[in-house]
C-alpha atoms as a PDB file:
ATOM      1  CA  MET A   1      -0.462 -19.679   4.005  1.00  0.00           C
ATOM      2  CA  ASN A   2      -2.081 -16.332   3.519  1.00  0.00           C
ATOM      3  CA  VAL A   3      -2.165 -15.523  -0.205  1.00  0.00           C
ATOM      4  CA  LEU A   4      -1.247 -11.902   0.472  1.00  0.00           C
ATOM      5  CA  ARG A   5       2.296 -11.111   1.490  1.00  0.00           C
ATOM      6  CA  LEU A   6       3.716 -14.078  -0.446  1.00  0.00           C
ATOM      7  CA  SER A   7       5.996 -11.644  -2.210  1.00  0.00           C
ATOM      8  CA  THR A   8       7.113 -10.325   1.180  1.00  0.00           C
ATOM      9  CA  LEU A   9       7.697 -13.664   2.871  1.00  0.00           C
ATOM     10  CA  SER A  10      11.339 -12.732   3.266  1.00  0.00           C
ATOM     11  CA  LEU A  11      10.242  -9.971   5.628  1.00  0.00           C
ATOM     12  CA  LEU A  12       9.086 -12.549   8.122  1.00  0.00           C
ATOM     13  CA  VAL A  13      11.967 -14.936   7.558  1.00  0.00           C
ATOM     14  CA  ALA A  14      14.634 -12.249   7.984  1.00  0.00           C
ATOM     15  CA  ALA A  15      14.060 -11.407  11.636  1.00  0.00           C
ATOM     16  CA  GLY A  16      10.353 -11.009  10.990  1.00  0.00           C
ATOM     17  CA  LEU A  17      10.888  -7.373  10.059  1.00  0.00           C
ATOM     18  CA  LEU A  18      12.412  -6.401   6.724  1.00  0.00           C
ATOM     19  CA  ALA A  19      13.383  -8.002   3.436  1.00  0.00           C
ATOM     20  CA  ALA A  20      16.963  -8.997   3.011  1.00  0.00           C
ATOM     21  CA  GLY A  21      19.039  -8.127   0.020  1.00  0.00           C
ATOM     22  CA  CYS A  22      17.924  -4.498  -0.290  1.00  0.00           C
ATOM     23  CA  GLY A  23      20.447  -2.265  -1.932  1.00  0.00           C
ATOM     24  CA  GLY A  24      21.640   0.978  -0.523  1.00  0.00           C
ATOM     25  CA  GLY A  25      25.174   2.040   0.226  1.00  0.00           C
ATOM     26  CA  GLY A  26      27.176   2.023   3.430  1.00  0.00           C
ATOM     27  CA  THR A  27      25.966   2.768   6.889  1.00  0.00           C
ATOM     28  CA  ASP A  28      27.388   6.309   6.733  1.00  0.00           C
ATOM     29  CA  ALA A  29      24.900   7.262   4.026  1.00  0.00           C
ATOM     30  CA  GLY A  30      22.100   8.916   5.962  1.00  0.00           C
ATOM     31  CA  PRO A  31      18.557   9.640   4.778  1.00  0.00           C
ATOM     32  CA  GLU A  32      19.524  13.079   3.542  1.00  0.00           C
ATOM     33  CA  ASN A  33      22.024  11.433   1.171  1.00  0.00           C
ATOM     34  CA  GLY A  34      19.679   8.791  -0.185  1.00  0.00           C
ATOM     35  CA  GLY A  35      21.139   6.076   2.014  1.00  0.00           C
ATOM     36  CA  THR A  36      19.496   3.684   4.435  1.00  0.00           C
ATOM     37  CA  ILE A  37      17.831   4.205   7.765  1.00  0.00           C
ATOM     38  CA  PRO A  38      20.368   3.363  10.492  1.00  0.00           C
ATOM     39  CA  GLY A  39      19.855  -0.125  11.855  1.00  0.00           C
ATOM     40  CA  SER A  40      16.948  -0.810   9.539  1.00  0.00           C
ATOM     41  CA  ALA A  41      18.422  -3.861   7.790  1.00  0.00           C
ATOM     42  CA  GLY A  42      18.521  -2.013   4.493  1.00  0.00           C
ATOM     43  CA  VAL A  43      15.287  -0.032   4.352  1.00  0.00           C
ATOM     44  CA  THR A  44      16.285   2.110   1.404  1.00  0.00           C
ATOM     45  CA  ILE A  45      14.938   5.563   0.765  1.00  0.00           C
ATOM     46  CA  GLU A  46      16.574   5.864  -2.629  1.00  0.00           C
ATOM     47  CA  ASP A  47      14.260   7.003  -5.382  1.00  0.00           C
ATOM     48  CA  GLU A  48      16.479   5.662  -8.144  1.00  0.00           C
ATOM     49  CA  VAL A  49      15.679   1.955  -8.264  1.00  0.00           C
ATOM     50  CA  ALA A  50      14.807  -0.524 -10.969  1.00  0.00           C
ATOM     51  CA  GLY A  51      11.175  -0.174 -11.933  1.00  0.00           C
ATOM     52  CA  SER A  52       8.781   1.087 -14.552  1.00  0.00           C
ATOM     53  CA  PRO A  53       7.564   4.558 -13.575  1.00  0.00           C
ATOM     54  CA  GLY A  54       4.601   5.829 -15.540  1.00  0.00           C
ATOM     55  CA  PRO A  55       1.203   4.343 -16.429  1.00  0.00           C
ATOM     56  CA  PHE A  56       0.334   0.877 -15.122  1.00  0.00           C
ATOM     57  CA  ALA A  57      -2.776  -1.013 -16.212  1.00  0.00           C
ATOM     58  CA  SER A  58      -4.137  -4.478 -15.509  1.00  0.00           C
ATOM     59  CA  THR A  59      -7.055  -6.271 -17.142  1.00  0.00           C
ATOM     60  CA  GLU A  60      -6.401  -9.398 -15.063  1.00  0.00           C
ATOM     61  CA  PHE A  61      -7.297  -7.644 -11.830  1.00  0.00           C
ATOM     62  CA  GLU A  62     -11.037  -7.564 -11.153  1.00  0.00           C
ATOM     63  CA  PRO A  63     -12.197  -4.941 -11.872  1.00  0.00           C
ATOM     64  CA  PRO A  64      -9.639  -3.738 -14.455  1.00  0.00           C
ATOM     65  CA  ILE A  65      -7.520  -1.010 -12.901  1.00  0.00           C
ATOM     66  CA  SER A  66      -4.918   1.553 -13.891  1.00  0.00           C
ATOM     67  CA  PHE A  67      -2.834   4.142 -12.104  1.00  0.00           C
ATOM     68  CA  THR A  68       0.411   6.097 -12.453  1.00  0.00           C
ATOM     69  CA  VAL A  69       3.586   4.761 -10.816  1.00  0.00           C
ATOM     70  CA  PRO A  70       6.043   7.405  -9.500  1.00  0.00           C
ATOM     71  CA  ALA A  71       9.780   7.170 -10.024  1.00  0.00           C
ATOM     72  CA  GLY A  72      11.404   4.871  -7.484  1.00  0.00           C
ATOM     73  CA  TRP A  73       8.460   2.441  -7.409  1.00  0.00           C
ATOM     74  CA  ARG A  74       8.019  -0.970  -9.004  1.00  0.00           C
ATOM     75  CA  VAL A  75       4.851  -2.996  -9.483  1.00  0.00           C
ATOM     76  CA  GLN A  76       4.248  -6.733  -9.559  1.00  0.00           C
ATOM     77  CA  GLU A  77       1.020  -8.628 -10.109  1.00  0.00           C
ATOM     78  CA  GLU A  78       0.441 -12.239  -9.095  1.00  0.00           C
ATOM     79  CA  PHE A  79      -2.064 -14.446  -7.299  1.00  0.00           C
ATOM     80  CA  GLY A  80      -4.871 -12.053  -8.183  1.00  0.00           C
ATOM     81  CA  LEU A  81      -3.388  -9.055  -6.394  1.00  0.00           C
ATOM     82  CA  ILE A  82      -1.210  -6.076  -7.227  1.00  0.00           C
ATOM     83  CA  GLN A  83       1.638  -4.774  -5.074  1.00  0.00           C
ATOM     84  CA  ALA A  84       3.602  -1.575  -5.672  1.00  0.00           C
ATOM     85  CA  PHE A  85       6.878  -1.299  -3.728  1.00  0.00           C
ATOM     86  CA  ARG A  86       8.684   1.956  -2.956  1.00  0.00           C
ATOM     87  CA  GLY A  87      12.457   1.742  -3.035  1.00  0.00           C
ATOM     88  CA  ALA A  88      14.664  -1.286  -3.501  1.00  0.00           C
ATOM     89  CA  GLY A  89      13.180  -3.382  -0.703  1.00  0.00           C
ATOM     90  CA  GLU A  90       9.717  -4.508   0.362  1.00  0.00           C
ATOM     91  CA  ALA A  91       9.277  -2.519   3.564  1.00  0.00           C
ATOM     92  CA  GLN A  92       6.986   0.073   1.987  1.00  0.00           C
ATOM     93  CA  VAL A  93       4.199  -1.369  -0.106  1.00  0.00           C
ATOM     94  CA  LEU A  94       0.847  -0.443  -1.608  1.00  0.00           C
ATOM     95  CA  THR A  95      -1.357  -3.536  -2.063  1.00  0.00           C
ATOM     96  CA  PHE A  96      -4.584  -3.957  -4.054  1.00  0.00           C
ATOM     97  CA  GLU A  97      -7.001  -6.800  -3.266  1.00  0.00           C
ATOM     98  CA  THR A  98     -10.482  -7.667  -4.535  1.00  0.00           C
ATOM     99  CA  LEU A  99     -12.650  -8.927  -1.668  1.00  0.00           C
ATOM    100  CA  ALA A 100     -14.310 -12.012  -3.123  1.00  0.00           C
ATOM    101  CA  GLU A 101     -17.340 -12.055  -0.847  1.00  0.00           C
ATOM    102  CA  GLY A 102     -18.368  -8.499  -1.650  1.00  0.00           C
ATOM    103  CA  GLY A 103     -21.169  -7.300   0.603  1.00  0.00           C
ATOM    104  CA  ASP A 104     -21.915  -3.942   2.186  1.00  0.00           C
ATOM    105  CA  ALA A 105     -18.895  -1.653   1.944  1.00  0.00           C
ATOM    106  CA  GLN A 106     -19.622   0.329   5.098  1.00  0.00           C
ATOM    107  CA  GLN A 107     -20.055  -2.812   7.158  1.00  0.00           C
ATOM    108  CA  ARG A 108     -16.827  -4.234   5.738  1.00  0.00           C
ATOM    109  CA  ILE A 109     -14.773  -1.136   6.493  1.00  0.00           C
ATOM    110  CA  GLU A 110     -16.034  -1.203  10.081  1.00  0.00           C
ATOM    111  CA  GLN A 111     -15.116  -4.893  10.278  1.00  0.00           C
ATOM    112  CA  MET A 112     -11.600  -4.048   9.099  1.00  0.00           C
ATOM    113  CA  ARG A 113     -11.385  -1.177  11.565  1.00  0.00           C
ATOM    114  CA  GLY A 114     -12.483  -3.495  14.371  1.00  0.00           C
ATOM    115  CA  THR A 115      -9.529  -5.874  13.940  1.00  0.00           C
ATOM    116  CA  PRO A 116      -8.165  -6.747  17.405  1.00  0.00           C
ATOM    117  CA  ASP A 117      -4.865  -5.183  18.466  1.00  0.00           C
ATOM    118  CA  ILE A 118      -4.907  -2.264  16.042  1.00  0.00           C
ATOM    119  CA  ASP A 119      -5.319   1.393  16.986  1.00  0.00           C
ATOM    120  CA  SER A 120      -7.720   2.772  14.381  1.00  0.00           C
ATOM    121  CA  GLY A 121      -8.685   6.303  13.458  1.00  0.00           C
ATOM    122  CA  GLU A 122     -12.096   7.436  12.294  1.00  0.00           C
ATOM    123  CA  VAL A 123     -13.498   6.363   8.936  1.00  0.00           C
ATOM    124  CA  GLU A 124     -13.806   9.092   6.311  1.00  0.00           C
ATOM    125  CA  GLN A 125     -15.910   8.856   3.168  1.00  0.00           C
ATOM    126  CA  THR A 126     -14.238   9.728  -0.121  1.00  0.00           C
ATOM    127  CA  THR A 127     -14.312   8.861  -3.835  1.00  0.00           C
ATOM    128  CA  ILE A 128     -11.725   6.889  -5.792  1.00  0.00           C
ATOM    129  CA  GLY A 129     -11.934   6.539  -9.552  1.00  0.00           C
ATOM    130  CA  GLY A 130     -15.417   8.048  -9.460  1.00  0.00           C
ATOM    131  CA  HIS A 131     -16.713   5.426  -7.011  1.00  0.00           C
ATOM    132  CA  ASP A 132     -17.750   5.642  -3.367  1.00  0.00           C
ATOM    133  CA  ALA A 133     -14.923   4.787  -1.010  1.00  0.00           C
ATOM    134  CA  TRP A 134     -14.027   4.828   2.682  1.00  0.00           C
ATOM    135  CA  THR A 135     -10.642   5.248   4.328  1.00  0.00           C
ATOM    136  CA  PHE A 136      -9.011   5.190   7.749  1.00  0.00           C
ATOM    137  CA  GLU A 137      -5.560   4.995   9.295  1.00  0.00           C
ATOM    138  CA  ALA A 138      -4.411   2.468  11.878  1.00  0.00           C
ATOM    139  CA  THR A 139      -1.338   1.244  13.700  1.00  0.00           C
ATOM    140  CA  PRO A 140      -1.308  -2.514  14.342  1.00  0.00           C
ATOM    141  CA  GLN A 141       0.262  -3.434  17.670  1.00  0.00           C
ATOM    142  CA  TYR A 142       1.254  -6.879  16.396  1.00  0.00           C
ATOM    143  CA  ALA A 143       1.458  -8.719  13.092  1.00  0.00           C
ATOM    144  CA  THR A 144      -2.115  -9.658  12.274  1.00  0.00           C
ATOM    145  CA  THR A 145      -4.583 -10.458   9.507  1.00  0.00           C
ATOM    146  CA  ILE A 146      -7.037  -7.616   8.973  1.00  0.00           C
ATOM    147  CA  GLU A 147     -10.608  -8.737   9.647  1.00  0.00           C
ATOM    148  CA  GLY A 148     -12.735  -9.275   6.551  1.00  0.00           C
ATOM    149  CA  THR A 149      -9.703  -9.419   4.246  1.00  0.00           C
ATOM    150  CA  GLU A 150      -6.726 -11.618   3.383  1.00  0.00           C
ATOM    151  CA  TYR A 151      -4.247  -8.862   4.196  1.00  0.00           C
ATOM    152  CA  TYR A 152      -1.493  -9.607   6.720  1.00  0.00           C
ATOM    153  CA  ALA A 153      -0.201  -6.443   8.397  1.00  0.00           C
ATOM    154  CA  LEU A 154       3.330  -6.776   9.738  1.00  0.00           C
ATOM    155  CA  GLY A 155       2.688  -4.545  12.739  1.00  0.00           C
ATOM    156  CA  GLN A 156       5.893  -2.545  12.305  1.00  0.00           C
ATOM    157  CA  GLY A 157       4.373   0.773  11.299  1.00  0.00           C
ATOM    158  CA  PRO A 158       1.265   2.673  10.241  1.00  0.00           C
ATOM    159  CA  VAL A 159      -1.201   1.429   7.635  1.00  0.00           C
ATOM    160  CA  ARG A 160      -3.740   3.398   5.614  1.00  0.00           C
ATOM    161  CA  PHE A 161      -6.767   1.475   4.388  1.00  0.00           C
ATOM    162  CA  TRP A 162      -9.141   2.305   1.545  1.00  0.00           C
ATOM    163  CA  LEU A 163     -12.230   0.350   0.514  1.00  0.00           C
ATOM    164  CA  VAL A 164     -13.825   1.119  -2.853  1.00  0.00           C
ATOM    165  CA  ASP A 165     -17.282  -0.035  -3.996  1.00  0.00           C
ATOM    166  CA  VAL A 166     -16.905  -0.517  -7.751  1.00  0.00           C
ATOM    167  CA  GLU A 167     -20.463  -1.288  -8.810  1.00  0.00           C
ATOM    168  CA  GLY A 168     -20.812  -3.942  -6.112  1.00  0.00           C
ATOM    169  CA  THR A 169     -17.237  -5.252  -6.258  1.00  0.00           C
ATOM    170  CA  LEU A 170     -15.232  -4.293  -3.167  1.00  0.00           C
ATOM    171  CA  VAL A 171     -11.611  -3.350  -3.776  1.00  0.00           C
ATOM    172  CA  ALA A 172      -9.380  -2.974  -0.712  1.00  0.00           C
ATOM    173  CA  ILE A 173      -6.182  -0.932  -0.859  1.00  0.00           C
ATOM    174  CA  TYR A 174      -3.516  -1.009   1.848  1.00  0.00           C
ATOM    175  CA  ALA A 175      -0.512   1.321   2.223  1.00  0.00           C
ATOM    176  CA  GLU A 176       1.907  -0.028   4.841  1.00  0.00           C
ATOM    177  CA  SER A 177       5.304   1.240   5.948  1.00  0.00           C
ATOM    178  CA  SER A 178       7.223  -1.350   7.979  1.00  0.00           C
ATOM    179  CA  VAL A 179      10.029   0.193   9.998  1.00  0.00           C
ATOM    180  CA  PRO A 180      11.414  -1.195  13.286  1.00  0.00           C
ATOM    181  CA  ARG A 181       9.945   0.627  16.275  1.00  0.00           C
ATOM    182  CA  THR A 182      13.427   1.615  17.466  1.00  0.00           C
ATOM    183  CA  GLU A 183      14.038   3.458  14.190  1.00  0.00           C
ATOM    184  CA  ARG A 184      10.708   5.277  13.820  1.00  0.00           C
ATOM    185  CA  ARG A 185      12.099   8.678  14.785  1.00  0.00           C
ATOM    186  CA  GLU A 186      14.861   8.525  12.198  1.00  0.00           C
ATOM    187  CA  ALA A 187      12.354   7.279   9.613  1.00  0.00           C
ATOM    188  CA  ASP A 188       9.706   9.988   9.992  1.00  0.00           C
ATOM    189  CA  GLU A 189      10.686  11.695   6.743  1.00  0.00           C
ATOM    190  CA  VAL A 190      10.804   8.392   4.863  1.00  0.00           C
ATOM    191  CA  ILE A 191       7.382   7.331   6.146  1.00  0.00           C
ATOM    192  CA  ALA A 192       5.847  10.702   5.281  1.00  0.00           C
ATOM    193  CA  GLY A 193       7.281  10.525   1.764  1.00  0.00           C
ATOM    194  CA  PHE A 194       5.886   7.044   1.257  1.00  0.00           C
ATOM    195  CA  PHE A 195       2.350   7.939   2.296  1.00  0.00           C
ATOM    196  CA  ASN A 196       2.430  11.119   0.227  1.00  0.00           C
ATOM    197  CA  GLU A 197       3.342   9.148  -2.894  1.00  0.00           C
ATOM    198  CA  ALA A 198       0.901   6.336  -2.051  1.00  0.00           C
ATOM    199  CA  ASN A 199      -1.876   8.934  -1.827  1.00  0.00           C
ATOM    200  CA  GLN A 200      -0.855  10.273  -5.239  1.00  0.00           C
ATOM    201  CA  ILE A 201      -1.141   6.789  -6.737  1.00  0.00           C
ATOM    202  CA  VAL A 202      -4.581   6.248  -5.223  1.00  0.00           C
ATOM    203  CA  GLU A 203      -5.759   9.654  -6.469  1.00  0.00           C
ATOM    204  CA  ARG A 204      -4.981   8.586 -10.050  1.00  0.00           C
ATOM    205  CA  ILE A 205      -6.738   5.224  -9.994  1.00  0.00           C
ATOM    206  CA  GLU A 206      -9.205   4.441 -12.762  1.00  0.00           C
ATOM    207  CA  PHE A 207     -11.445   1.378 -12.955  1.00  0.00           C
ATOM    208  CA  GLY A 208     -13.134  -0.335 -15.886  1.00  0.00           C
ATOM    209  CA  ALA A 209     -12.470  -1.397 -19.453  1.00  0.00           C
ATOM    210  CA  ALA A 210     -11.292   2.088 -20.411  1.00  0.00           C
ATOM    211  CA  ALA A 211      -8.863   2.306 -17.517  1.00  0.00           C
ATOM    212  CA  GLY A 212      -5.487   3.545 -18.683  1.00  0.00           C
ATOM    213  CA  GLY A 213      -6.647   3.974 -22.265  1.00  0.00           C
ATOM    214  CA  ASP A 214      -6.277   7.077 -24.382  1.00  0.00           C
ATOM    215  CA  ASP A 215      -9.989   7.797 -24.078  1.00  0.00           C
ATOM    216  CA  ALA A 216     -10.114   7.457 -20.317  1.00  0.00           C
ATOM    217  CA  GLY A 217     -11.015  10.740 -18.721  1.00  0.00           C
ATOM    218  CA  GLY A 218     -13.078  12.477 -16.141  1.00  0.00           C
ATOM    219  CA  ASP A 219     -12.392  13.476 -12.585  1.00  0.00           C
ATOM    220  CA  THR A 220     -11.218  10.282 -10.928  1.00  0.00           C
ATOM    221  CA  GLY A 221      -9.191  11.565  -7.999  1.00  0.00           C
ATOM    222  CA  THR A 222     -10.011  11.109  -4.345  1.00  0.00           C
ATOM    223  CA  GLU A 223     -12.048  13.722  -2.580  1.00  0.00           C
ATOM    224  CA  THR A 224     -12.302  13.560   1.191  1.00  0.00           C
ATOM    225  CA  SER A 225     -15.454  14.850   2.802  1.00  0.00           C
ATOM    226  CA  PRO A 226     -14.953  17.570   5.410  1.00  0.00           C
END
């Protein structure tokens, strides 16, 4: 079984779409009231959920990493990867993976972008945590493993990919919002909010032994080339 997405196995089991057991009020509570997306099997857009907003740091992840978690998010780390979930369910997730084989970052990002059955945008160069990085957006047509990675995209919504070269170690970051195709229109605001907050997390990433420490400093946000 793919090591990624183990924490979201229930997404595939429960109709292959969304995790069961998400909180979120009755069906008359619309998005504007912090309720659930109609017909979305409990895709919550509530910001008030159990979690630990604020600084997060890991020395187990390679390389050590830290970032700031917004309110309404929760983070878990296992099997050598980090996943940050927005809301009470698992339909919106930011995943961090170290690519064991390393290699040339630009070749790897093109390999990822060339995954069959995904509609990919152009690659843009950026910086994350003071390191060279590349990013692109894509919409998988089907559930699929992204080429050159262990990441399993559910194919129920857009994904933004980042690849960071941290002194020869390649760190892949995936922001995926899984919403049934029939509910995309109603979920536009939810999806936009997720990607906005995911971008904020990525902009605050720091790598290295000093990551998250009191002495950590410098300009570490993302900067996209024109």
